[in-house]
């Protein structure tokens, strides 16, 4: 709240209280919408992790579960369209290191988003993973360049910028830890 002084024509001063509204992202409703968006995107990552790990039958049949020797990257990358990066993605499809990195990424990004901690790293790594997945499906099926991978990547950056982990999450507590105060990148 700000106070300003107004002088009238007759020289008398009047103090006027000016109420400055909070930015839209600071309103309780907006903060809760961002928190729900954080949960939703976090669940997308966690569900992909669980489905690929245990073969829950949504995208990964039980016979191709990672715990039963299936590869979480092989199906997606081997079936990628013949875009500009197809050779690269076909070559790494099913590689153990790619499977491990992919699954660790899905699980860690999803957990960070749902808990509301490590939002900066979750946004950066999640956006990088999504952009890589976008390059694997180039050109997108329904649009010259835009698809859900890019939209999710943009949303992740927005979640980090508005500190979405602080509402309905552990972000505020996480930000006050000694580790995060020493290494703000972990916020």
N, C-alpha and C. Protein backbone atom coordinates (compact mmCIF):
# COMPACT_ATOMS: atom_id res chain seq x y z
N UNK A 1 0.84 -1.15 0.00
CA UNK A 1 0.00 0.00 0.00
C UNK A 1 0.90 1.23 0.00
N UNK A 2 0.62 2.17 -0.86
CA UNK A 2 1.42 3.38 -0.96
C UNK A 2 0.59 4.59 -0.55
N UNK A 3 1.27 5.60 -0.07
CA UNK A 3 0.61 6.85 0.29
C UNK A 3 1.21 7.94 -0.57
N UNK A 4 0.35 8.75 -1.16
CA UNK A 4 0.84 9.87 -1.95
C UNK A 4 0.17 11.14 -1.46
N UNK A 5 0.86 12.24 -1.67
CA UNK A 5 0.35 13.54 -1.23
C UNK A 5 -0.22 14.27 -2.43
N UNK A 6 -1.40 14.83 -2.25
CA UNK A 6 -2.07 15.57 -3.32
C UNK A 6 -2.31 17.00 -2.83
N UNK A 7 -1.86 17.96 -3.61
CA UNK A 7 -2.08 19.37 -3.24
C UNK A 7 -3.23 19.91 -4.08
N UNK A 8 -4.17 20.51 -3.40
CA UNK A 8 -5.32 21.09 -4.11
C UNK A 8 -4.95 22.49 -4.58
N UNK A 9 -5.86 23.13 -5.32
CA UNK A 9 -5.61 24.48 -5.86
C UNK A 9 -5.42 25.52 -4.76
N UNK A 10 -6.05 25.30 -3.66
CA UNK A 10 -5.93 26.29 -2.58
C UNK A 10 -4.69 26.04 -1.71
N UNK A 11 -3.84 25.11 -2.11
CA UNK A 11 -2.59 24.87 -1.40
C UNK A 11 -2.66 23.87 -0.28
N UNK A 12 -3.83 23.35 0.00
CA UNK A 12 -3.97 22.37 1.07
C UNK A 12 -3.48 21.00 0.61
N UNK A 13 -2.82 20.30 1.49
CA UNK A 13 -2.31 18.96 1.18
C UNK A 13 -3.28 17.91 1.72
N UNK A 14 -3.45 16.88 0.94
CA UNK A 14 -4.28 15.74 1.35
C UNK A 14 -3.48 14.47 1.09
N UNK A 15 -3.43 13.63 2.08
CA UNK A 15 -2.77 12.34 1.90
C UNK A 15 -3.78 11.35 1.34
N UNK A 16 -3.38 10.67 0.30
CA UNK A 16 -4.25 9.68 -0.35
C UNK A 16 -3.58 8.33 -0.27
N UNK A 17 -4.33 7.36 0.22
CA UNK A 17 -3.83 6.00 0.28
C UNK A 17 -4.14 5.32 -1.05
N UNK A 18 -3.11 4.80 -1.68
CA UNK A 18 -3.28 4.13 -2.96
C UNK A 18 -3.04 2.64 -2.75
N UNK A 19 -4.02 1.84 -3.08
CA UNK A 19 -3.90 0.40 -2.95
C UNK A 19 -3.41 -0.14 -4.29
N UNK A 20 -2.23 -0.72 -4.25
CA UNK A 20 -1.65 -1.30 -5.46
C UNK A 20 -1.94 -2.79 -5.44
N UNK A 21 -2.65 -3.29 -6.45
CA UNK A 21 -2.95 -4.73 -6.44
C UNK A 21 -1.68 -5.56 -6.64
N UNK A 22 -1.69 -6.74 -6.07
CA UNK A 22 -0.57 -7.66 -6.26
C UNK A 22 -0.58 -8.13 -7.72
N UNK A 23 0.60 -8.48 -8.22
CA UNK A 23 0.62 -9.06 -9.57
C UNK A 23 -0.27 -10.31 -9.60
N UNK A 24 -0.84 -10.60 -10.75
CA UNK A 24 -1.77 -11.71 -10.89
C UNK A 24 -1.19 -13.02 -10.37
N UNK A 25 0.10 -13.25 -10.57
CA UNK A 25 0.68 -14.53 -10.14
C UNK A 25 0.78 -14.62 -8.62
N UNK A 26 0.57 -13.52 -7.91
CA UNK A 26 0.63 -13.57 -6.46
C UNK A 26 -0.75 -13.72 -5.81
N UNK A 27 -1.81 -13.67 -6.61
CA UNK A 27 -3.13 -13.84 -6.02
C UNK A 27 -3.29 -15.30 -5.58
N UNK A 28 -4.04 -15.52 -4.52
CA UNK A 28 -4.21 -16.91 -4.06
C UNK A 28 -4.79 -17.83 -5.15
N UNK A 29 -5.74 -17.34 -5.91
CA UNK A 29 -6.34 -18.18 -6.96
C UNK A 29 -5.29 -18.56 -8.00
N UNK A 30 -4.49 -17.61 -8.43
CA UNK A 30 -3.47 -17.90 -9.45
C UNK A 30 -2.43 -18.87 -8.91
N UNK A 31 -2.02 -18.68 -7.67
CA UNK A 31 -1.02 -19.56 -7.09
C UNK A 31 -1.55 -21.00 -7.01
N UNK A 32 -2.82 -21.15 -6.72
CA UNK A 32 -3.41 -22.49 -6.65
C UNK A 32 -3.55 -23.10 -8.05
N UNK A 33 -3.86 -22.29 -9.03
CA UNK A 33 -3.93 -22.81 -10.41
C UNK A 33 -2.55 -23.30 -10.84
N UNK A 34 -1.50 -22.51 -10.55
CA UNK A 34 -0.14 -22.95 -10.88
C UNK A 34 0.23 -24.23 -10.13
N UNK A 35 -0.21 -24.34 -8.88
CA UNK A 35 0.08 -25.55 -8.10
C UNK A 35 -0.61 -26.76 -8.72
N UNK A 36 -1.86 -26.60 -9.15
CA UNK A 36 -2.57 -27.71 -9.79
C UNK A 36 -1.89 -28.06 -11.11
N UNK A 37 -1.44 -27.06 -11.86
CA UNK A 37 -0.70 -27.34 -13.11
C UNK A 37 0.58 -28.10 -12.80
N UNK A 38 1.26 -27.75 -11.71
CA UNK A 38 2.47 -28.45 -11.29
C UNK A 38 2.18 -29.91 -10.99
N UNK A 39 1.11 -30.17 -10.23
CA UNK A 39 0.71 -31.55 -9.95
C UNK A 39 0.41 -32.30 -11.24
N UNK A 40 -0.32 -31.66 -12.14
CA UNK A 40 -0.73 -32.32 -13.38
C UNK A 40 0.47 -32.72 -14.22
N UNK A 41 1.41 -31.80 -14.41
CA UNK A 41 2.59 -32.12 -15.22
C UNK A 41 3.47 -33.12 -14.47
N UNK A 42 3.56 -32.99 -13.17
CA UNK A 42 4.31 -33.98 -12.38
C UNK A 42 3.72 -35.36 -12.55
N UNK A 43 2.39 -35.46 -12.56
CA UNK A 43 1.76 -36.76 -12.72
C UNK A 43 2.04 -37.34 -14.11
N UNK A 44 2.11 -36.49 -15.14
CA UNK A 44 2.45 -36.97 -16.49
C UNK A 44 3.80 -37.70 -16.45
N UNK A 45 4.77 -37.11 -15.78
CA UNK A 45 6.10 -37.73 -15.67
C UNK A 45 6.06 -38.99 -14.80
N UNK A 46 5.40 -38.92 -13.65
CA UNK A 46 5.34 -40.07 -12.75
C UNK A 46 4.60 -41.23 -13.42
N UNK A 47 3.49 -40.94 -14.10
CA UNK A 47 2.74 -42.00 -14.75
C UNK A 47 3.58 -42.68 -15.84
N UNK A 48 4.29 -41.88 -16.64
CA UNK A 48 5.14 -42.47 -17.67
C UNK A 48 6.20 -43.37 -17.02
N UNK A 49 6.77 -42.92 -15.91
CA UNK A 49 7.76 -43.73 -15.18
C UNK A 49 7.14 -45.05 -14.72
N UNK A 50 6.00 -44.97 -14.03
CA UNK A 50 5.35 -46.17 -13.50
C UNK A 50 4.92 -47.13 -14.60
N UNK A 51 4.35 -46.59 -15.68
CA UNK A 51 3.89 -47.43 -16.77
C UNK A 51 5.05 -48.16 -17.42
N UNK A 52 6.17 -47.46 -17.64
CA UNK A 52 7.32 -48.09 -18.27
C UNK A 52 8.03 -49.05 -17.31
N UNK A 53 8.06 -48.71 -16.04
CA UNK A 53 8.71 -49.57 -15.04
C UNK A 53 7.95 -50.89 -14.87
N UNK A 54 6.62 -50.81 -14.71
CA UNK A 54 5.85 -51.99 -14.36
C UNK A 54 4.97 -52.53 -15.48
N UNK A 55 4.95 -51.89 -16.64
CA UNK A 55 4.12 -52.36 -17.74
C UNK A 55 2.65 -52.37 -17.36
N UNK A 56 2.13 -51.23 -16.97
CA UNK A 56 0.75 -51.14 -16.48
C UNK A 56 -0.29 -51.23 -17.59
N UNK A 57 0.16 -51.32 -18.82
CA UNK A 57 -0.76 -51.57 -19.92
C UNK A 57 -1.30 -50.34 -20.61
N UNK A 58 -0.93 -49.16 -20.19
CA UNK A 58 -1.42 -47.97 -20.89
C UNK A 58 -0.65 -47.79 -22.20
N UNK A 59 0.61 -47.51 -22.10
CA UNK A 59 1.47 -47.43 -23.29
C UNK A 59 2.45 -48.60 -23.33
N UNK A 60 2.67 -49.19 -22.16
CA UNK A 60 3.65 -50.27 -22.05
C UNK A 60 2.94 -51.55 -21.61
N UNK A 61 2.89 -52.56 -22.48
CA UNK A 61 2.29 -53.83 -22.05
C UNK A 61 3.14 -54.50 -20.96
N UNK A 62 2.50 -55.30 -20.15
CA UNK A 62 3.19 -55.95 -19.02
C UNK A 62 4.43 -56.72 -19.48
N UNK A 63 4.37 -57.33 -20.64
CA UNK A 63 5.50 -58.12 -21.13
C UNK A 63 6.72 -57.25 -21.45
N UNK A 64 6.53 -55.94 -21.62
CA UNK A 64 7.65 -55.06 -21.97
C UNK A 64 8.04 -54.13 -20.82
N UNK A 65 7.62 -54.47 -19.60
CA UNK A 65 7.97 -53.67 -18.43
C UNK A 65 9.48 -53.67 -18.24
N UNK A 66 10.00 -52.56 -17.75
CA UNK A 66 11.44 -52.45 -17.53
C UNK A 66 11.91 -53.47 -16.50
N UNK A 67 11.12 -53.70 -15.46
CA UNK A 67 11.54 -54.67 -14.44
C UNK A 67 11.56 -56.10 -14.97
N UNK A 68 10.93 -56.33 -16.11
CA UNK A 68 10.93 -57.66 -16.73
C UNK A 68 11.85 -57.71 -17.94
N UNK A 69 12.77 -56.75 -18.05
CA UNK A 69 13.76 -56.78 -19.12
C UNK A 69 13.41 -55.97 -20.36
N UNK A 70 12.26 -55.31 -20.36
CA UNK A 70 11.89 -54.46 -21.48
C UNK A 70 12.71 -53.18 -21.48
N UNK A 71 12.67 -52.46 -22.59
CA UNK A 71 13.40 -51.20 -22.71
C UNK A 71 12.42 -50.04 -22.77
N UNK A 72 12.53 -49.08 -21.86
CA UNK A 72 11.61 -47.94 -21.89
C UNK A 72 11.84 -46.98 -23.06
N UNK A 73 13.00 -47.07 -23.71
CA UNK A 73 13.27 -46.14 -24.81
C UNK A 73 13.09 -46.78 -26.18
N UNK A 74 13.18 -48.07 -26.24
CA UNK A 74 13.22 -48.73 -27.54
C UNK A 74 11.98 -48.48 -28.40
N UNK A 75 10.80 -48.69 -27.86
CA UNK A 75 9.59 -48.53 -28.65
C UNK A 75 9.42 -47.14 -29.22
N UNK A 76 9.56 -46.13 -28.37
CA UNK A 76 9.38 -44.75 -28.80
C UNK A 76 10.44 -44.34 -29.81
N UNK A 77 11.68 -44.64 -29.52
CA UNK A 77 12.76 -44.17 -30.38
C UNK A 77 12.89 -44.97 -31.67
N UNK A 78 12.65 -46.27 -31.61
CA UNK A 78 12.73 -47.09 -32.85
C UNK A 78 11.61 -46.73 -33.81
N UNK A 79 10.46 -46.33 -33.26
CA UNK A 79 9.31 -45.99 -34.09
C UNK A 79 9.22 -44.50 -34.40
N UNK A 80 10.26 -43.75 -34.07
CA UNK A 80 10.27 -42.31 -34.37
C UNK A 80 10.22 -42.13 -35.89
N UNK A 81 9.52 -41.10 -36.34
CA UNK A 81 9.44 -40.87 -37.78
C UNK A 81 10.81 -40.56 -38.38
N UNK A 82 10.90 -40.63 -39.66
CA UNK A 82 12.17 -40.38 -40.36
C UNK A 82 12.45 -38.89 -40.47
N UNK A 83 12.58 -38.22 -39.32
CA UNK A 83 12.88 -36.80 -39.29
C UNK A 83 14.38 -36.57 -39.31
N UNK A 84 14.79 -35.33 -39.08
CA UNK A 84 16.21 -34.98 -39.17
C UNK A 84 17.10 -35.67 -38.14
N UNK A 85 16.54 -36.15 -37.04
CA UNK A 85 17.35 -36.78 -35.99
C UNK A 85 17.08 -38.28 -35.87
N UNK A 86 16.37 -38.84 -36.82
CA UNK A 86 15.96 -40.24 -36.75
C UNK A 86 17.15 -41.18 -36.57
N UNK A 87 18.21 -40.98 -37.30
CA UNK A 87 19.39 -41.86 -37.20
C UNK A 87 19.95 -41.88 -35.80
N UNK A 88 20.09 -40.71 -35.19
CA UNK A 88 20.60 -40.62 -33.82
C UNK A 88 19.71 -41.38 -32.85
N UNK A 89 18.41 -41.13 -32.92
CA UNK A 89 17.49 -41.76 -31.97
C UNK A 89 17.34 -43.26 -32.22
N UNK A 90 17.38 -43.68 -33.47
CA UNK A 90 17.33 -45.12 -33.75
C UNK A 90 18.57 -45.81 -33.19
N UNK A 91 19.72 -45.13 -33.24
CA UNK A 91 20.97 -45.72 -32.74
C UNK A 91 20.97 -45.90 -31.22
N UNK A 92 20.35 -44.98 -30.48
CA UNK A 92 20.39 -45.09 -29.02
C UNK A 92 19.19 -45.84 -28.44
N UNK A 93 18.20 -46.15 -29.29
CA UNK A 93 17.01 -46.86 -28.82
C UNK A 93 17.41 -48.18 -28.17
N UNK A 94 16.98 -48.35 -26.93
CA UNK A 94 17.24 -49.60 -26.22
C UNK A 94 18.59 -49.69 -25.54
N UNK A 95 19.46 -48.70 -25.70
CA UNK A 95 20.76 -48.72 -25.02
C UNK A 95 20.53 -48.62 -23.51
N UNK A 96 21.26 -49.41 -22.75
CA UNK A 96 21.07 -49.43 -21.30
C UNK A 96 21.26 -48.05 -20.68
N UNK A 97 22.30 -47.32 -21.11
CA UNK A 97 22.54 -45.99 -20.54
C UNK A 97 21.38 -45.05 -20.85
N UNK A 98 20.79 -45.16 -22.04
CA UNK A 98 19.66 -44.30 -22.41
C UNK A 98 18.43 -44.67 -21.58
N UNK A 99 18.22 -45.97 -21.38
CA UNK A 99 17.09 -46.42 -20.55
C UNK A 99 17.22 -45.88 -19.13
N UNK A 100 18.41 -46.01 -18.54
CA UNK A 100 18.63 -45.55 -17.17
C UNK A 100 18.45 -44.03 -17.06
N UNK A 101 19.07 -43.29 -17.96
CA UNK A 101 18.92 -41.82 -17.91
C UNK A 101 17.47 -41.40 -18.07
N UNK A 102 16.77 -42.03 -19.00
CA UNK A 102 15.37 -41.70 -19.26
C UNK A 102 14.52 -41.99 -18.03
N UNK A 103 14.68 -43.15 -17.43
CA UNK A 103 13.86 -43.52 -16.27
C UNK A 103 14.20 -42.68 -15.05
N UNK A 104 15.49 -42.43 -14.82
CA UNK A 104 15.86 -41.56 -13.69
C UNK A 104 15.28 -40.17 -13.91
N UNK A 105 15.35 -39.68 -15.14
CA UNK A 105 14.79 -38.37 -15.47
C UNK A 105 13.30 -38.33 -15.22
N UNK A 106 12.56 -39.30 -15.75
CA UNK A 106 11.10 -39.32 -15.55
C UNK A 106 10.75 -39.33 -14.07
N UNK A 107 11.37 -40.23 -13.31
CA UNK A 107 11.06 -40.35 -11.90
C UNK A 107 11.43 -39.13 -11.08
N UNK A 108 12.64 -38.62 -11.29
CA UNK A 108 13.11 -37.47 -10.51
C UNK A 108 12.35 -36.19 -10.85
N UNK A 109 12.12 -35.96 -12.13
CA UNK A 109 11.38 -34.76 -12.54
C UNK A 109 9.95 -34.83 -12.00
N UNK A 110 9.31 -35.98 -12.15
CA UNK A 110 7.95 -36.14 -11.64
C UNK A 110 7.86 -35.95 -10.14
N UNK A 111 8.78 -36.57 -9.40
CA UNK A 111 8.78 -36.43 -7.94
C UNK A 111 9.02 -34.99 -7.52
N UNK A 112 9.97 -34.32 -8.15
CA UNK A 112 10.26 -32.92 -7.81
C UNK A 112 9.04 -32.04 -8.05
N UNK A 113 8.37 -32.25 -9.16
CA UNK A 113 7.19 -31.43 -9.47
C UNK A 113 6.06 -31.69 -8.48
N UNK A 114 5.79 -32.93 -8.18
CA UNK A 114 4.70 -33.24 -7.25
C UNK A 114 5.01 -32.71 -5.86
N UNK A 115 6.26 -32.84 -5.42
CA UNK A 115 6.64 -32.34 -4.10
C UNK A 115 6.83 -30.83 -4.06
N UNK A 116 7.09 -30.23 -5.22
CA UNK A 116 7.30 -28.79 -5.28
C UNK A 116 8.72 -28.38 -4.90
N UNK A 117 9.67 -29.30 -4.99
CA UNK A 117 11.06 -28.99 -4.65
C UNK A 117 11.93 -29.07 -5.89
N UNK A 118 13.04 -28.37 -5.87
CA UNK A 118 13.95 -28.42 -7.00
C UNK A 118 13.31 -27.98 -8.31
N UNK A 119 12.45 -26.99 -8.23
CA UNK A 119 11.67 -26.59 -9.40
C UNK A 119 12.55 -26.08 -10.54
N UNK A 120 13.65 -25.41 -10.21
CA UNK A 120 14.52 -24.89 -11.28
C UNK A 120 15.16 -26.03 -12.06
N UNK A 121 15.70 -27.00 -11.34
CA UNK A 121 16.34 -28.13 -12.01
C UNK A 121 15.29 -29.00 -12.70
N UNK A 122 14.15 -29.21 -12.05
CA UNK A 122 13.08 -30.01 -12.67
C UNK A 122 12.62 -29.34 -13.97
N UNK A 123 12.49 -28.02 -13.95
CA UNK A 123 12.05 -27.30 -15.15
C UNK A 123 13.10 -27.40 -16.26
N UNK A 124 14.35 -27.20 -15.90
CA UNK A 124 15.42 -27.24 -16.91
C UNK A 124 15.58 -28.64 -17.50
N UNK A 125 15.66 -29.65 -16.63
CA UNK A 125 15.86 -31.01 -17.14
C UNK A 125 14.61 -31.54 -17.82
N UNK A 126 13.45 -31.21 -17.26
CA UNK A 126 12.20 -31.64 -17.88
C UNK A 126 12.01 -31.01 -19.25
N UNK A 127 12.30 -29.71 -19.35
CA UNK A 127 12.19 -29.04 -20.65
C UNK A 127 13.18 -29.63 -21.65
N UNK A 128 14.40 -29.92 -21.18
CA UNK A 128 15.39 -30.53 -22.08
C UNK A 128 14.93 -31.90 -22.57
N UNK A 129 14.41 -32.72 -21.66
CA UNK A 129 13.91 -34.05 -22.03
C UNK A 129 12.76 -33.92 -23.03
N UNK A 130 11.85 -33.01 -22.77
CA UNK A 130 10.70 -32.83 -23.66
C UNK A 130 11.11 -32.31 -25.03
N UNK A 131 12.08 -31.40 -25.07
CA UNK A 131 12.55 -30.90 -26.37
C UNK A 131 13.24 -32.02 -27.13
N UNK A 132 13.99 -32.87 -26.43
CA UNK A 132 14.60 -34.02 -27.10
C UNK A 132 13.53 -34.96 -27.65
N UNK A 133 12.48 -35.18 -26.87
CA UNK A 133 11.39 -36.04 -27.36
C UNK A 133 10.70 -35.39 -28.57
N UNK A 134 10.59 -34.08 -28.55
CA UNK A 134 10.02 -33.35 -29.69
C UNK A 134 10.88 -33.55 -30.93
N UNK A 135 12.21 -33.47 -30.75
CA UNK A 135 13.08 -33.66 -31.92
C UNK A 135 12.99 -35.09 -32.45
N UNK A 136 12.63 -36.04 -31.59
CA UNK A 136 12.50 -37.42 -32.04
C UNK A 136 11.27 -37.63 -32.91
N UNK A 137 10.25 -36.77 -32.74
CA UNK A 137 9.03 -36.95 -33.52
C UNK A 137 8.90 -35.92 -34.65
N UNK A 138 9.99 -35.23 -34.96
CA UNK A 138 9.93 -34.24 -36.04
C UNK A 138 9.71 -34.92 -37.38
N UNK A 139 8.91 -34.39 -38.24
CA UNK A 139 7.98 -33.30 -37.99
C UNK A 139 6.75 -33.82 -37.23
N UNK A 140 6.17 -32.97 -36.36
CA UNK A 140 4.98 -33.41 -35.62
C UNK A 140 3.85 -33.79 -36.58
N UNK A 141 3.02 -34.65 -36.09
CA UNK A 141 1.95 -35.21 -36.92
C UNK A 141 0.87 -34.18 -37.31
N UNK A 142 0.51 -33.29 -36.39
CA UNK A 142 -0.66 -32.43 -36.60
C UNK A 142 -0.36 -30.95 -36.74
N UNK A 143 0.91 -30.57 -36.83
CA UNK A 143 1.26 -29.15 -36.86
C UNK A 143 2.64 -29.04 -37.48
N UNK A 144 2.95 -27.93 -38.14
CA UNK A 144 4.29 -27.82 -38.75
C UNK A 144 5.44 -27.93 -37.75
N UNK A 145 5.26 -27.44 -36.51
CA UNK A 145 6.36 -27.53 -35.54
C UNK A 145 5.89 -27.71 -34.10
N UNK A 146 4.70 -27.25 -33.74
CA UNK A 146 4.26 -27.26 -32.35
C UNK A 146 3.58 -28.58 -32.00
N UNK A 147 3.92 -29.12 -30.84
CA UNK A 147 3.19 -30.28 -30.31
C UNK A 147 3.22 -30.23 -28.78
N UNK A 148 2.63 -31.22 -28.16
CA UNK A 148 2.49 -31.21 -26.71
C UNK A 148 3.82 -31.21 -25.97
N UNK A 149 4.87 -31.75 -26.56
CA UNK A 149 6.18 -31.74 -25.89
C UNK A 149 6.66 -30.31 -25.67
N UNK A 150 6.52 -29.46 -26.67
CA UNK A 150 6.95 -28.06 -26.52
C UNK A 150 6.04 -27.30 -25.56
N UNK A 151 4.76 -27.58 -25.59
CA UNK A 151 3.83 -26.90 -24.68
C UNK A 151 4.15 -27.26 -23.24
N UNK A 152 4.40 -28.55 -22.97
CA UNK A 152 4.79 -28.96 -21.62
C UNK A 152 6.12 -28.32 -21.21
N UNK A 153 7.07 -28.21 -22.13
CA UNK A 153 8.36 -27.59 -21.82
C UNK A 153 8.17 -26.13 -21.42
N UNK A 154 7.35 -25.42 -22.16
CA UNK A 154 7.06 -24.01 -21.84
C UNK A 154 6.37 -23.93 -20.48
N UNK A 155 5.44 -24.82 -20.22
CA UNK A 155 4.73 -24.83 -18.94
C UNK A 155 5.70 -25.09 -17.79
N UNK A 156 6.64 -25.98 -17.97
CA UNK A 156 7.63 -26.24 -16.91
C UNK A 156 8.43 -25.00 -16.56
N UNK A 157 8.84 -24.26 -17.57
CA UNK A 157 9.59 -23.02 -17.32
C UNK A 157 8.70 -22.04 -16.55
N UNK A 158 7.45 -21.92 -16.95
CA UNK A 158 6.52 -21.04 -16.24
C UNK A 158 6.34 -21.45 -14.79
N UNK A 159 6.25 -22.73 -14.53
CA UNK A 159 6.10 -23.22 -13.16
C UNK A 159 7.28 -22.80 -12.29
N UNK A 160 8.48 -22.90 -12.83
CA UNK A 160 9.66 -22.49 -12.06
C UNK A 160 9.67 -20.98 -11.85
N UNK A 161 9.30 -20.22 -12.87
CA UNK A 161 9.35 -18.76 -12.77
C UNK A 161 8.38 -18.19 -11.73
N UNK A 162 7.25 -18.86 -11.52
CA UNK A 162 6.28 -18.34 -10.55
C UNK A 162 6.39 -19.05 -9.20
N UNK A 163 7.46 -19.81 -9.00
CA UNK A 163 7.67 -20.54 -7.73
C UNK A 163 6.45 -21.38 -7.37
N UNK A 164 5.98 -22.16 -8.33
CA UNK A 164 4.77 -22.95 -8.14
C UNK A 164 4.91 -24.00 -7.04
N UNK A 165 6.12 -24.35 -6.67
CA UNK A 165 6.32 -25.33 -5.60
C UNK A 165 6.02 -24.80 -4.21
N UNK A 166 5.89 -23.47 -4.08
CA UNK A 166 5.63 -22.88 -2.77
C UNK A 166 4.18 -23.04 -2.32
N UNK A 167 3.26 -23.22 -3.25
CA UNK A 167 1.85 -23.39 -2.91
C UNK A 167 1.50 -24.86 -3.03
N UNK A 168 0.93 -25.41 -1.97
CA UNK A 168 0.55 -26.83 -1.91
C UNK A 168 1.75 -27.74 -2.20
N UNK A 169 2.92 -27.29 -1.78
CA UNK A 169 4.12 -28.08 -1.98
C UNK A 169 5.15 -27.74 -0.92
N UNK A 170 6.30 -28.36 -1.03
CA UNK A 170 7.36 -28.17 -0.05
C UNK A 170 8.39 -27.13 -0.48
N UNK A 171 8.08 -26.36 -1.51
CA UNK A 171 9.04 -25.41 -2.07
C UNK A 171 9.55 -24.36 -1.10
N UNK A 172 8.67 -23.79 -0.30
CA UNK A 172 9.09 -22.76 0.65
C UNK A 172 10.05 -23.36 1.68
N UNK A 173 9.70 -24.53 2.22
CA UNK A 173 10.58 -25.21 3.18
C UNK A 173 11.91 -25.56 2.51
N UNK A 174 11.84 -26.13 1.30
CA UNK A 174 13.03 -26.54 0.55
C UNK A 174 13.95 -25.34 0.34
N UNK A 175 13.38 -24.19 -0.03
CA UNK A 175 14.17 -22.99 -0.27
C UNK A 175 14.88 -22.47 0.97
N UNK A 176 14.37 -22.81 2.16
CA UNK A 176 14.99 -22.36 3.41
C UNK A 176 16.06 -23.32 3.94
N UNK A 177 16.28 -24.43 3.27
CA UNK A 177 17.31 -25.37 3.74
C UNK A 177 18.70 -24.79 3.48
N UNK A 178 19.67 -25.21 4.30
CA UNK A 178 21.04 -24.73 4.13
C UNK A 178 21.59 -25.06 2.75
N UNK A 179 21.29 -26.27 2.27
CA UNK A 179 21.79 -26.70 0.97
C UNK A 179 21.32 -25.76 -0.15
N UNK A 180 20.05 -25.44 -0.16
CA UNK A 180 19.51 -24.58 -1.22
C UNK A 180 19.98 -23.15 -1.05
N UNK A 181 20.16 -22.70 0.17
CA UNK A 181 20.69 -21.35 0.37
C UNK A 181 22.13 -21.25 -0.14
N UNK A 182 22.89 -22.34 -0.01
CA UNK A 182 24.25 -22.37 -0.54
C UNK A 182 24.26 -22.51 -2.06
N UNK A 183 23.32 -23.30 -2.58
CA UNK A 183 23.25 -23.58 -4.03
C UNK A 183 21.84 -23.23 -4.54
N UNK A 184 21.57 -21.94 -4.79
CA UNK A 184 20.23 -21.50 -5.19
C UNK A 184 19.70 -22.16 -6.46
N UNK A 185 20.58 -22.74 -7.26
CA UNK A 185 20.15 -23.46 -8.46
C UNK A 185 19.21 -24.60 -8.09
N UNK A 186 19.35 -25.12 -6.88
CA UNK A 186 18.53 -26.25 -6.44
C UNK A 186 17.11 -25.84 -6.04
N UNK A 187 16.83 -24.55 -5.98
CA UNK A 187 15.50 -24.10 -5.59
C UNK A 187 14.51 -24.55 -6.61
